[in-house]
């Protein structure tokens, strides 16, 4: 006995459901990764700026 006509519809529908689910889950993961990268860059910039301020204060105190 061969495949029923339901397979003609069932298989592509399941395939596209999987594609769409993967697209949405992947998009969410990419957005979360971009958000974390932005936070990491902001944190690094804050540390660098703080270090520059301390270095400038040390040079000012040494010159006095």
PDB file of N, CA and C in Angstrom:
ATOM      1  N   UNK A   1       0.844  -1.178   0.000  1.00  0.00           N
ATOM      2  CA  UNK A   1       0.000   0.000   0.000  1.00  0.00           C
ATOM      3  C   UNK A   1       0.896   1.251   0.000  1.00  0.00           C
ATOM      4  N   UNK A   2       0.547   2.246  -0.775  1.00  0.00           N
ATOM      5  CA  UNK A   2       1.338   3.466  -0.888  1.00  0.00           C
ATOM      6  C   UNK A   2       0.939   4.507   0.144  1.00  0.00           C
ATOM      7  N   UNK A   3       1.552   5.657   0.011  1.00  0.00           N
ATOM      8  CA  UNK A   3       1.233   6.754   0.930  1.00  0.00           C
ATOM      9  C   UNK A   3      -0.146   7.315   0.598  1.00  0.00           C
ATOM     10  N   UNK A   4      -0.811   7.771   1.625  1.00  0.00           N
ATOM     11  CA  UNK A   4      -2.118   8.385   1.403  1.00  0.00           C
ATOM     12  C   UNK A   4      -1.925   9.822   0.942  1.00  0.00           C
ATOM     13  N   UNK A   5      -2.984  10.409   0.459  1.00  0.00           N
ATOM     14  CA  UNK A   5      -2.899  11.792  -0.010  1.00  0.00           C
ATOM     15  C   UNK A   5      -2.659  12.759   1.145  1.00  0.00           C
ATOM     16  N   UNK A   6      -2.897  12.313   2.364  1.00  0.00           N
ATOM     17  CA  UNK A   6      -2.654  13.181   3.522  1.00  0.00           C
ATOM     18  C   UNK A   6      -1.172  13.527   3.647  1.00  0.00           C
ATOM     19  N   UNK A   7      -0.287  12.613   3.220  1.00  0.00           N
ATOM     20  CA  UNK A   7       1.142  12.886   3.300  1.00  0.00           C
ATOM     21  C   UNK A   7       1.543  14.067   2.422  1.00  0.00           C
ATOM     22  N   UNK A   8       0.843  14.268   1.338  1.00  0.00           N
ATOM     23  CA  UNK A   8       1.159  15.376   0.440  1.00  0.00           C
ATOM     24  C   UNK A   8       0.983  16.706   1.165  1.00  0.00           C
ATOM     25  N   UNK A   9       0.042  16.775   2.079  1.00  0.00           N
ATOM     26  CA  UNK A   9      -0.192  17.999   2.835  1.00  0.00           C
ATOM     27  C   UNK A   9       0.531  17.993   4.177  1.00  0.00           C
ATOM     28  N   UNK A  10       0.556  16.848   4.825  1.00  0.00           N
ATOM     29  CA  UNK A  10       1.103  16.744   6.181  1.00  0.00           C
ATOM     30  C   UNK A  10       2.602  17.060   6.214  1.00  0.00           C
ATOM     31  N   UNK A  11       3.372  16.453   5.341  1.00  0.00           N
ATOM     32  CA  UNK A  11       4.826  16.620   5.380  1.00  0.00           C
ATOM     33  C   UNK A  11       5.237  18.073   5.123  1.00  0.00           C
ATOM     34  N   UNK A  12       4.749  18.744   4.088  1.00  0.00           N
ATOM     35  CA  UNK A  12       5.139  20.152   3.901  1.00  0.00           C
ATOM     36  C   UNK A  12       4.674  21.068   5.035  1.00  0.00           C
ATOM     37  N   UNK A  13       3.498  20.784   5.583  1.00  0.00           N
ATOM     38  CA  UNK A  13       3.004  21.616   6.688  1.00  0.00           C
ATOM     39  C   UNK A  13       3.922  21.482   7.894  1.00  0.00           C
ATOM     40  N   UNK A  14       4.294  20.263   8.243  1.00  0.00           N
ATOM     41  CA  UNK A  14       5.194  20.047   9.374  1.00  0.00           C
ATOM     42  C   UNK A  14       6.556  20.677   9.094  1.00  0.00           C
ATOM     43  N   UNK A  15       7.026  20.572   7.856  1.00  0.00           N
ATOM     44  CA  UNK A  15       8.292  21.190   7.476  1.00  0.00           C
ATOM     45  C   UNK A  15       8.247  22.696   7.703  1.00  0.00           C
ATOM     46  N   UNK A  16       7.208  23.356   7.218  1.00  0.00           N
ATOM     47  CA  UNK A  16       7.114  24.807   7.366  1.00  0.00           C
ATOM     48  C   UNK A  16       6.896  25.225   8.818  1.00  0.00           C
ATOM     49  N   UNK A  17       6.184  24.431   9.585  1.00  0.00           N
ATOM     50  CA  UNK A  17       6.047  24.723  11.020  1.00  0.00           C
ATOM     51  C   UNK A  17       7.430  24.713  11.666  1.00  0.00           C
ATOM     52  N   UNK A  18       8.248  23.737  11.313  1.00  0.00           N
ATOM     53  CA  UNK A  18       9.607  23.666  11.845  1.00  0.00           C
ATOM     54  C   UNK A  18      10.463  24.842  11.410  1.00  0.00           C
ATOM     55  N   UNK A  19      10.336  25.242  10.159  1.00  0.00           N
ATOM     56  CA  UNK A  19      11.100  26.389   9.651  1.00  0.00           C
ATOM     57  C   UNK A  19      10.702  27.660  10.396  1.00  0.00           C
ATOM     58  N   UNK A  20       9.411  27.890  10.552  1.00  0.00           N
ATOM     59  CA  UNK A  20       8.954  29.092  11.247  1.00  0.00           C
ATOM     60  C   UNK A  20       9.347  29.075  12.720  1.00  0.00           C
ATOM     61  N   UNK A  21       9.227  27.922  13.364  1.00  0.00           N
ATOM     62  CA  UNK A  21       9.627  27.827  14.774  1.00  0.00           C
ATOM     63  C   UNK A  21      11.118  28.113  14.910  1.00  0.00           C
ATOM     64  N   UNK A  22      11.921  27.564  14.024  1.00  0.00           N
ATOM     65  CA  UNK A  22      13.360  27.819  14.055  1.00  0.00           C
ATOM     66  C   UNK A  22      13.681  29.281  13.808  1.00  0.00           C
ATOM     67  N   UNK A  23      12.955  29.896  12.901  1.00  0.00           N
ATOM     68  CA  UNK A  23      13.175  31.312  12.611  1.00  0.00           C
ATOM     69  C   UNK A  23      12.897  32.172  13.838  1.00  0.00           C
ATOM     70  N   UNK A  24      11.769  31.946  14.487  1.00  0.00           N
ATOM     71  CA  UNK A  24      11.411  32.767  15.637  1.00  0.00           C
ATOM     72  C   UNK A  24      12.326  32.508  16.830  1.00  0.00           C
ATOM     73  N   UNK A  25      12.664  31.257  17.078  1.00  0.00           N
ATOM     74  CA  UNK A  25      13.570  30.962  18.187  1.00  0.00           C
ATOM     75  C   UNK A  25      14.965  31.510  17.910  1.00  0.00           C
ATOM     76  N   UNK A  26      15.412  31.414  16.671  1.00  0.00           N
ATOM     77  CA  UNK A  26      16.715  31.957  16.298  1.00  0.00           C
ATOM     78  C   UNK A  26      16.747  33.473  16.400  1.00  0.00           C
ATOM     79  N   UNK A  27      15.658  34.108  16.005  1.00  0.00           N
ATOM     80  CA  UNK A  27      15.596  35.567  16.094  1.00  0.00           C
ATOM     81  C   UNK A  27      15.668  36.021  17.545  1.00  0.00           C
ATOM     82  N   UNK A  28      14.946  35.323  18.403  1.00  0.00           N
ATOM     83  CA  UNK A  28      14.952  35.671  19.819  1.00  0.00           C
ATOM     84  C   UNK A  28      16.354  35.491  20.408  1.00  0.00           C
ATOM     85  N   UNK A  29      17.012  34.415  20.051  1.00  0.00           N
ATOM     86  CA  UNK A  29      18.369  34.164  20.544  1.00  0.00           C
ATOM     87  C   UNK A  29      19.329  35.239  20.043  1.00  0.00           C
ATOM     88  N   UNK A  30      19.182  35.651  18.792  1.00  0.00           N
ATOM     89  CA  UNK A  30      20.048  36.693  18.239  1.00  0.00           C
ATOM     90  C   UNK A  30      19.802  38.030  18.935  1.00  0.00           C
ATOM     91  N   UNK A  31      18.551  38.347  19.226  1.00  0.00           N
ATOM     92  CA  UNK A  31      18.247  39.592  19.936  1.00  0.00           C
ATOM     93  C   UNK A  31      18.835  39.573  21.341  1.00  0.00           C
ATOM     94  N   UNK A  32      18.722  38.438  22.027  1.00  0.00           N
ATOM     95  CA  UNK A  32      19.299  38.329  23.372  1.00  0.00           C
ATOM     96  C   UNK A  32      20.810  38.469  23.331  1.00  0.00           C
ATOM     97  N   UNK A  33      21.449  37.863  22.348  1.00  0.00           N
ATOM     98  CA  UNK A  33      22.904  37.948  22.217  1.00  0.00           C
ATOM     99  C   UNK A  33      23.328  39.389  21.938  1.00  0.00           C
ATOM    100  N   UNK A  34      22.590  40.088  21.073  1.00  0.00           N
ATOM    101  CA  UNK A  34      22.910  41.482  20.767  1.00  0.00           C
ATOM    102  C   UNK A  34      22.749  42.356  22.008  1.00  0.00           C
ATOM    103  N   UNK A  35      21.719  42.090  22.799  1.00  0.00           N
ATOM    104  CA  UNK A  35      21.497  42.845  24.029  1.00  0.00           C
ATOM    105  C   UNK A  35      22.645  42.621  25.014  1.00  0.00           C
ATOM    106  N   UNK A  36      23.081  41.379  25.160  1.00  0.00           N
ATOM    107  CA  UNK A  36      24.193  41.068  26.064  1.00  0.00           C
ATOM    108  C   UNK A  36      25.486  41.714  25.577  1.00  0.00           C
ATOM    109  N   UNK A  37      25.721  41.707  24.276  1.00  0.00           N
ATOM    110  CA  UNK A  37      26.918  42.335  23.721  1.00  0.00           C
ATOM    111  C   UNK A  37      26.909  43.837  23.993  1.00  0.00           C
ATOM    112  N   UNK A  38      25.759  44.464  23.858  1.00  0.00           N
ATOM    113  CA  UNK A  38      25.639  45.899  24.121  1.00  0.00           C
ATOM    114  C   UNK A  38      25.931  46.203  25.591  1.00  0.00           C
ATOM    115  N   UNK A  39      25.408  45.375  26.501  1.00  0.00           N
ATOM    116  CA  UNK A  39      25.674  45.559  27.929  1.00  0.00           C
ATOM    117  C   UNK A  39      27.156  45.385  28.231  1.00  0.00           C
ATOM    118  N   UNK A  40      27.767  44.358  27.611  1.00  0.00           N
ATOM    119  CA  UNK A  40      29.178  44.082  27.842  1.00  0.00           C
ATOM    120  C   UNK A  40      30.040  45.251  27.373  1.00  0.00           C
ATOM    121  N   UNK A  41      29.723  45.804  26.209  1.00  0.00           N
ATOM    122  CA  UNK A  41      30.484  46.948  25.692  1.00  0.00           C
ATOM    123  C   UNK A  41      30.318  48.168  26.599  1.00  0.00           C
ATOM    124  N   UNK A  42      29.106  48.409  27.075  1.00  0.00           N
ATOM    125  CA  UNK A  42      28.868  49.548  27.966  1.00  0.00           C
ATOM    126  C   UNK A  42      29.637  49.376  29.272  1.00  0.00           C
ATOM    127  N   UNK A  43      29.661  48.149  29.800  1.00  0.00           N
ATOM    128  CA  UNK A  43      30.384  47.876  31.039  1.00  0.00           C
ATOM    129  C   UNK A  43      31.887  48.094  30.846  1.00  0.00           C
ATOM    130  N   UNK A  44      32.429  47.621  29.724  1.00  0.00           N
ATOM    131  CA  UNK A  44      33.857  47.813  29.444  1.00  0.00           C
ATOM    132  C   UNK A  44      34.192  49.288  29.291  1.00  0.00           C
ATOM    133  N   UNK A  45      33.311  50.039  28.621  1.00  0.00           N
ATOM    134  CA  UNK A  45      33.541  51.477  28.440  1.00  0.00           C
ATOM    135  C   UNK A  45      33.534  52.181  29.788  1.00  0.00           C
ATOM    136  N   UNK A  46      32.619  51.795  30.670  1.00  0.00           N
ATOM    137  CA  UNK A  46      32.557  52.413  31.994  1.00  0.00           C
ATOM    138  C   UNK A  46      33.833  52.127  32.779  1.00  0.00           C
ATOM    139  N   UNK A  47      34.351  50.916  32.678  1.00  0.00           N
ATOM    140  CA  UNK A  47      35.594  50.574  33.383  1.00  0.00           C
ATOM    141  C   UNK A  47      36.753  51.382  32.818  1.00  0.00           C
ATOM    142  N   UNK A  48      36.830  51.500  31.489  1.00  0.00           N
ATOM    143  CA  UNK A  48      37.912  52.289  30.876  1.00  0.00           C
ATOM    144  C   UNK A  48      37.820  53.752  31.292  1.00  0.00           C
ATOM    145  N   UNK A  49      36.612  54.324  31.254  1.00  0.00           N
ATOM    146  CA  UNK A  49      36.439  55.724  31.635  1.00  0.00           C
ATOM    147  C   UNK A  49      36.822  55.948  33.093  1.00  0.00           C
ATOM    148  N   UNK A  50      36.444  55.007  33.948  1.00  0.00           N
ATOM    149  CA  UNK A  50      36.778  55.118  35.370  1.00  0.00           C
ATOM    150  C   UNK A  50      38.291  55.054  35.569  1.00  0.00           C
ATOM    151  N   UNK A  51      38.953  54.183  34.830  1.00  0.00           N
ATOM    152  CA  UNK A  51      40.412  54.061  34.939  1.00  0.00           C
ATOM    153  C   UNK A  51      41.094  55.337  34.455  1.00  0.00           C
ATOM    154  N   UNK A  52      40.576  55.950  33.395  1.00  0.00           N
ATOM    155  CA  UNK A  52      41.149  57.201  32.894  1.00  0.00           C
ATOM    156  C   UNK A  52      40.988  58.313  33.927  1.00  0.00           C
ATOM    157  N   UNK A  53      39.826  58.368  34.584  1.00  0.00           N
ATOM    158  CA  UNK A  53      39.597  59.390  35.606  1.00  0.00           C
ATOM    159  C   UNK A  53      40.568  59.215  36.769  1.00  0.00           C
ATOM    160  N   UNK A  54      40.773  57.978  37.195  1.00  0.00           N
ATOM    161  CA  UNK A  54      41.702  57.729  38.296  1.00  0.00           C
ATOM    162  C   UNK A  54      43.125  58.073  37.892  1.00  0.00           C
ATOM    163  N   UNK A  55      43.503  57.756  36.671  1.00  0.00           N
ATOM    164  CA  UNK A  55      44.848  58.055  36.199  1.00  0.00           C
ATOM    165  C   UNK A  55      45.052  59.571  36.134  1.00  0.00           C
ATOM    166  N   UNK A  56      44.044  60.297  35.682  1.00  0.00           N
ATOM    167  CA  UNK A  56      44.133  61.755  35.626  1.00  0.00           C
ATOM    168  C   UNK A  56      44.232  62.357  37.016  1.00  0.00           C
ATOM    169  N   UNK A  57      43.512  61.796  37.980  1.00  0.00           N
ATOM    170  CA  UNK A  57      43.569  62.290  39.358  1.00  0.00           C
ATOM    171  C   UNK A  57      44.934  62.006  39.964  1.00  0.00           C
ATOM    172  N   UNK A  58      45.516  60.859  39.672  1.00  0.00           N
ATOM    173  CA  UNK A  58      46.839  60.524  40.190  1.00  0.00           C
ATOM    174  C   UNK A  58      47.897  61.464  39.635  1.00  0.00           C
ATOM    175  N   UNK A  59      47.813  61.794  38.353  1.00  0.00           N
ATOM    176  CA  UNK A  59      48.784  62.701  37.741  1.00  0.00           C
ATOM    177  C   UNK A  59      48.639  64.105  38.316  1.00  0.00           C
ATOM    178  N   UNK A  60      47.418  64.527  38.603  1.00  0.00           N
ATOM    179  CA  UNK A  60      47.187  65.849  39.186  1.00  0.00           C
ATOM    180  C   UNK A  60      47.779  65.912  40.588  1.00  0.00           C
ATOM    181  N   UNK A  61      47.585  64.871  41.387  1.00  0.00           N
ATOM    182  CA  UNK A  61      48.129  64.834  42.742  1.00  0.00           C
ATOM    183  C   UNK A  61      49.645  64.759  42.723  1.00  0.00           C
ATOM    184  N   UNK A  62      50.233  64.081  41.777  1.00  0.00           N
ATOM    185  CA  UNK A  62      51.689  63.953  41.693  1.00  0.00           C
ATOM    186  C   UNK A  62      52.314  65.278  41.278  1.00  0.00           C
ATOM    187  N   UNK A  63      51.615  66.072  40.490  1.00  0.00           N
ATOM    188  CA  UNK A  63      52.145  67.351  40.022  1.00  0.00           C
ATOM    189  C   UNK A  63      52.100  68.407  41.118  1.00  0.00           C
ATOM    190  N   UNK A  64      51.277  68.223  42.140  1.00  0.00           N
ATOM    191  CA  UNK A  64      51.127  69.238  43.187  1.00  0.00           C
ATOM    192  C   UNK A  64      52.268  69.286  44.137  1.00  0.00           C
TER     193      UNK A  64
END
